[in-house]
């Protein structure tokens, strides 16, 4: 196991290269609704182009505004192109991106864009905070460690540094990852290797399942 972990750590610089924003991204039509801080009624809305790739998010609104969001410490924490903090949450199939003084609600499968029930590479969230302490999307992939897909997960937290995360794989099956003060295991079988880089857990199973789990998902806010 020690050898396996060392091999995983040796591969981290390659995996970490996935943070670089690629030239192309998975794109879907969506409805983007802009609301000012404290506004509860429907705000300005219209069709938009939404793309996500390796954790990076881009929203092209039809009024000419464009928002490029770069992931930071947490699975749902970003900075926009102006350096402002942005926090993502989920309301069913709607993704909510919250700035200090406004938010943008991104809805898929709206009228006029039938067939886009979720953004390409962003499956619906099957878990809820009624069952879990938190939910989040994790970068993942099957077959090779590209980490170019999004896997939804439900998070149960215990003592500080301990958490159990149930993740929906890209093929629809589930994988449970248990974290306990610097170690990670899975009850679902398979040869597990892992390494850490700048607060992110890089996890591989049988050299065909790959996940990146930010430490913020384990400890919470």
Protein backbone atom coordinates (compact mmCIF):
# COMPACT_ATOMS: atom_id res chain seq x y z
CA UNK A 1 0.00 0.00 0.00
CA UNK A 2 2.87 2.38 0.80
CA UNK A 3 4.36 1.75 -2.64
CA UNK A 4 0.99 2.32 -4.26
CA UNK A 5 0.59 5.62 -2.46
CA UNK A 6 4.07 6.73 -3.49
CA UNK A 7 3.26 5.93 -7.10
CA UNK A 8 0.07 7.95 -6.81
CA UNK A 9 1.98 10.91 -5.41
CA UNK A 10 4.48 10.69 -8.26
CA UNK A 11 1.61 11.07 -10.70
CA UNK A 12 0.19 14.16 -8.99
CA UNK A 13 1.94 16.79 -11.13
CA UNK A 14 0.26 15.26 -14.19
CA UNK A 15 -3.13 15.11 -12.48
CA UNK A 16 -2.74 18.62 -11.12
CA UNK A 17 -2.28 19.84 -14.66
CA UNK A 18 -6.02 19.34 -15.00
CA UNK A 19 -6.43 22.73 -13.31
CA UNK A 20 -5.43 24.41 -16.58
CA UNK A 21 -8.50 25.68 -18.40
CA UNK A 22 -8.68 23.90 -21.76
CA UNK A 23 -9.56 25.65 -25.00
CA UNK A 24 -12.87 23.80 -25.30
CA UNK A 25 -15.53 22.85 -22.76
CA UNK A 26 -18.78 20.93 -22.53
CA UNK A 27 -21.51 23.45 -23.35
CA UNK A 28 -25.28 23.43 -22.95
CA UNK A 29 -28.13 25.88 -23.48
CA UNK A 30 -29.67 27.11 -20.25
CA UNK A 31 -31.79 29.86 -18.73
CA UNK A 32 -29.80 32.34 -16.64
CA UNK A 33 -31.72 34.52 -14.18
CA UNK A 34 -29.92 37.43 -12.53
CA UNK A 35 -31.19 38.63 -9.14
CA UNK A 36 -29.87 41.49 -7.05
CA UNK A 37 -29.06 40.92 -3.38
CA UNK A 38 -32.24 40.39 -1.37
CA UNK A 39 -34.47 40.14 -4.43
CA UNK A 40 -36.86 37.17 -4.14
CA UNK A 41 -39.03 37.75 -7.20
CA UNK A 42 -37.94 36.68 -10.65
CA UNK A 43 -35.11 38.84 -11.89
CA UNK A 44 -33.75 39.59 -15.35
CA UNK A 45 -33.51 36.33 -17.25
CA UNK A 46 -32.86 34.96 -20.69
CA UNK A 47 -31.18 32.15 -22.60
CA UNK A 48 -27.47 31.68 -21.97
CA UNK A 49 -24.62 29.37 -22.89
CA UNK A 50 -23.27 27.46 -19.90
CA UNK A 51 -20.05 25.45 -19.97
CA UNK A 52 -18.08 23.55 -17.38
CA UNK A 53 -14.79 21.74 -17.74
CA UNK A 54 -12.46 20.42 -15.04
CA UNK A 55 -14.16 22.58 -12.41
CA UNK A 56 -14.06 25.83 -14.40
CA UNK A 57 -17.38 27.47 -15.25
CA UNK A 58 -18.28 29.96 -17.98
CA UNK A 59 -21.63 31.69 -18.47
CA UNK A 60 -22.31 33.68 -21.65
CA UNK A 61 -25.46 35.74 -21.19
CA UNK A 62 -27.32 36.93 -24.25
CA UNK A 63 -27.04 40.55 -23.07
CA UNK A 64 -23.31 40.39 -23.74
CA UNK A 65 -22.16 39.70 -20.17
CA UNK A 66 -19.69 36.85 -19.70
CA UNK A 67 -18.64 35.31 -16.40
CA UNK A 68 -15.55 33.12 -16.10
CA UNK A 69 -15.32 31.32 -12.75
CA UNK A 70 -12.14 29.66 -11.48
CA UNK A 71 -12.38 27.03 -8.70
CA UNK A 72 -10.62 27.92 -5.45
CA UNK A 73 -10.48 26.04 -2.14
CA UNK A 74 -13.85 24.29 -2.01
CA UNK A 75 -15.77 22.15 -4.47
CA UNK A 76 -18.36 24.95 -4.83
CA UNK A 77 -16.18 28.02 -4.33
CA UNK A 78 -14.92 30.22 -7.17
CA UNK A 79 -13.41 33.57 -8.13
CA UNK A 80 -14.74 35.43 -11.13
CA UNK A 81 -12.54 37.22 -13.69
CA UNK A 82 -12.61 40.34 -11.51
CA UNK A 83 -11.45 38.51 -8.37
CA UNK A 84 -14.86 38.45 -6.65
CA UNK A 85 -15.79 35.43 -4.53
CA UNK A 86 -18.62 33.26 -5.88
CA UNK A 87 -20.35 30.43 -3.99
CA UNK A 88 -22.36 27.70 -5.75
CA UNK A 89 -25.37 25.88 -4.31
CA UNK A 90 -28.10 23.68 -5.77
CA UNK A 91 -31.89 23.91 -5.84
CA UNK A 92 -33.02 20.77 -7.64
CA UNK A 93 -31.72 20.99 -11.21
CA UNK A 94 -30.97 24.71 -10.77
CA UNK A 95 -27.45 25.83 -9.99
CA UNK A 96 -27.21 29.05 -7.96
CA UNK A 97 -24.05 31.16 -8.23
CA UNK A 98 -23.93 33.76 -5.43
CA UNK A 99 -21.81 36.91 -5.55
CA UNK A 100 -21.60 39.33 -2.59
CA UNK A 101 -24.43 41.47 -4.02
CA UNK A 102 -26.19 39.32 -6.60
CA UNK A 103 -26.77 35.78 -7.77
CA UNK A 104 -27.33 33.98 -11.05
CA UNK A 105 -29.71 31.02 -11.21
CA UNK A 106 -28.87 28.59 -14.01
CA UNK A 107 -31.70 26.26 -15.02
CA UNK A 108 -31.48 23.43 -17.54
CA UNK A 109 -34.29 21.82 -19.49
CA UNK A 110 -36.32 25.06 -19.67
CA UNK A 111 -38.96 25.71 -22.28
CA UNK A 112 -37.42 26.35 -25.67
CA UNK A 113 -34.43 24.18 -24.98
CA UNK A 114 -35.98 20.75 -24.54
CA UNK A 115 -33.56 17.92 -24.13
CA UNK A 116 -31.07 19.81 -21.97
CA UNK A 117 -32.09 18.39 -18.60
CA UNK A 118 -28.54 19.07 -17.35
CA UNK A 119 -25.44 20.74 -18.66
CA UNK A 120 -23.13 18.50 -20.63
CA UNK A 121 -20.89 16.77 -18.10
CA UNK A 122 -23.03 17.99 -15.17
CA UNK A 123 -25.58 15.32 -14.17
CA UNK A 124 -28.55 16.14 -11.90
CA UNK A 125 -27.84 16.10 -8.16
CA UNK A 126 -29.43 12.86 -6.79
CA UNK A 127 -28.60 13.66 -3.15
CA UNK A 128 -30.12 16.32 -0.90
CA UNK A 129 -29.31 18.04 2.38
CA UNK A 130 -32.38 16.33 3.86
CA UNK A 131 -30.30 13.14 3.88
CA UNK A 132 -26.75 14.47 3.96
CA UNK A 133 -24.86 17.20 5.76
CA UNK A 134 -23.84 18.66 2.40
CA UNK A 135 -23.82 17.91 -1.31
CA UNK A 136 -21.21 18.76 -3.92
CA UNK A 137 -19.89 17.88 -7.37
CA UNK A 138 -16.46 16.25 -7.58
CA UNK A 139 -14.13 16.08 -10.55
CA UNK A 140 -13.95 12.48 -11.69
CA UNK A 141 -13.40 10.16 -14.66
CA UNK A 142 -13.48 6.51 -15.67
CA UNK A 143 -10.76 4.78 -17.66
CA UNK A 144 -8.02 7.42 -17.33
CA UNK A 145 -7.21 10.18 -14.78
CA UNK A 146 -8.46 13.09 -16.87
CA UNK A 147 -10.87 14.25 -14.14
CA UNK A 148 -12.92 15.88 -16.89
CA UNK A 149 -16.36 14.90 -15.62
CA UNK A 150 -18.53 15.95 -12.68
CA UNK A 151 -19.75 13.35 -10.18
CA UNK A 152 -22.46 14.37 -7.67
CA UNK A 153 -21.92 13.34 -4.06
CA UNK A 154 -23.62 13.36 -0.67
CA UNK A 155 -21.45 14.09 2.37
CA UNK A 156 -21.85 12.77 5.94
CA UNK A 157 -19.37 14.39 8.37
CA UNK A 158 -18.24 13.04 11.74
CA UNK A 159 -15.40 14.21 13.95
CA UNK A 160 -13.07 16.83 12.41
CA UNK A 161 -11.23 15.18 9.55
CA UNK A 162 -13.73 12.32 9.25
CA UNK A 163 -16.39 12.05 6.56
CA UNK A 164 -18.19 9.51 4.40
CA UNK A 165 -18.95 10.59 0.83
CA UNK A 166 -21.32 8.69 -1.48
CA UNK A 167 -20.50 9.51 -5.10
CA UNK A 168 -22.54 8.74 -8.22
CA UNK A 169 -20.11 7.50 -10.86
CA UNK A 170 -20.39 8.55 -14.53
CA UNK A 171 -21.74 5.05 -15.31
CA UNK A 172 -24.55 5.43 -12.76
CA UNK A 173 -23.08 3.17 -10.09
CA UNK A 174 -22.16 4.45 -6.62
CA UNK A 175 -18.86 4.58 -4.79
CA UNK A 176 -18.45 5.33 -1.07
CA UNK A 177 -15.23 6.93 0.13
CA UNK A 178 -14.54 7.09 3.88
CA UNK A 179 -12.04 9.65 5.19
CA UNK A 180 -10.58 9.40 8.69
CA UNK A 181 -7.83 11.75 9.83
CA UNK A 182 -5.42 11.43 6.94
CA UNK A 183 -6.51 8.09 5.52
CA UNK A 184 -9.15 7.04 2.99
CA UNK A 185 -10.84 3.67 2.46
CA UNK A 186 -13.77 2.30 0.47
CA UNK A 187 -16.21 -0.45 1.51
CA UNK A 188 -17.05 -1.16 -2.14
CA UNK A 189 -13.92 -3.13 -2.98
CA UNK A 190 -11.11 -2.47 -5.43
CA UNK A 191 -7.42 -1.57 -5.11
CA UNK A 192 -7.36 1.99 -3.78
CA UNK A 193 -4.44 4.37 -4.20
CA UNK A 194 -4.36 7.98 -3.14
CA UNK A 195 -2.22 11.05 -2.71
CA UNK A 196 -2.69 14.67 -1.63
CA UNK A 197 -1.69 17.89 -3.33
CA UNK A 198 -2.45 21.40 -2.00
CA UNK A 199 -5.45 20.23 0.02
CA UNK A 200 -6.94 17.98 -2.68
CA UNK A 201 -7.20 14.19 -2.41
CA UNK A 202 -6.38 12.41 -5.68
CA UNK A 203 -7.99 8.97 -5.48
CA UNK A 204 -7.70 6.05 -7.89
CA UNK A 205 -9.41 2.66 -7.73
CA UNK A 206 -8.25 -0.29 -9.84
CA UNK A 207 -6.56 2.21 -12.18
CA UNK A 208 -9.95 2.94 -13.78
CA UNK A 209 -11.93 5.13 -11.32
CA UNK A 210 -10.51 8.54 -10.52
CA UNK A 211 -11.74 11.26 -8.17
CA UNK A 212 -10.53 14.59 -6.78
CA UNK A 213 -11.97 15.41 -3.36
CA UNK A 214 -11.15 18.85 -1.86
CA UNK A 215 -10.36 18.76 1.83
CA UNK A 216 -13.00 21.46 2.32
CA UNK A 217 -15.64 18.83 1.49
CA UNK A 218 -14.45 16.76 4.44
CA UNK A 219 -14.11 19.54 7.01
CA UNK A 220 -16.91 21.82 5.78
CA UNK A 221 -16.90 25.60 5.89
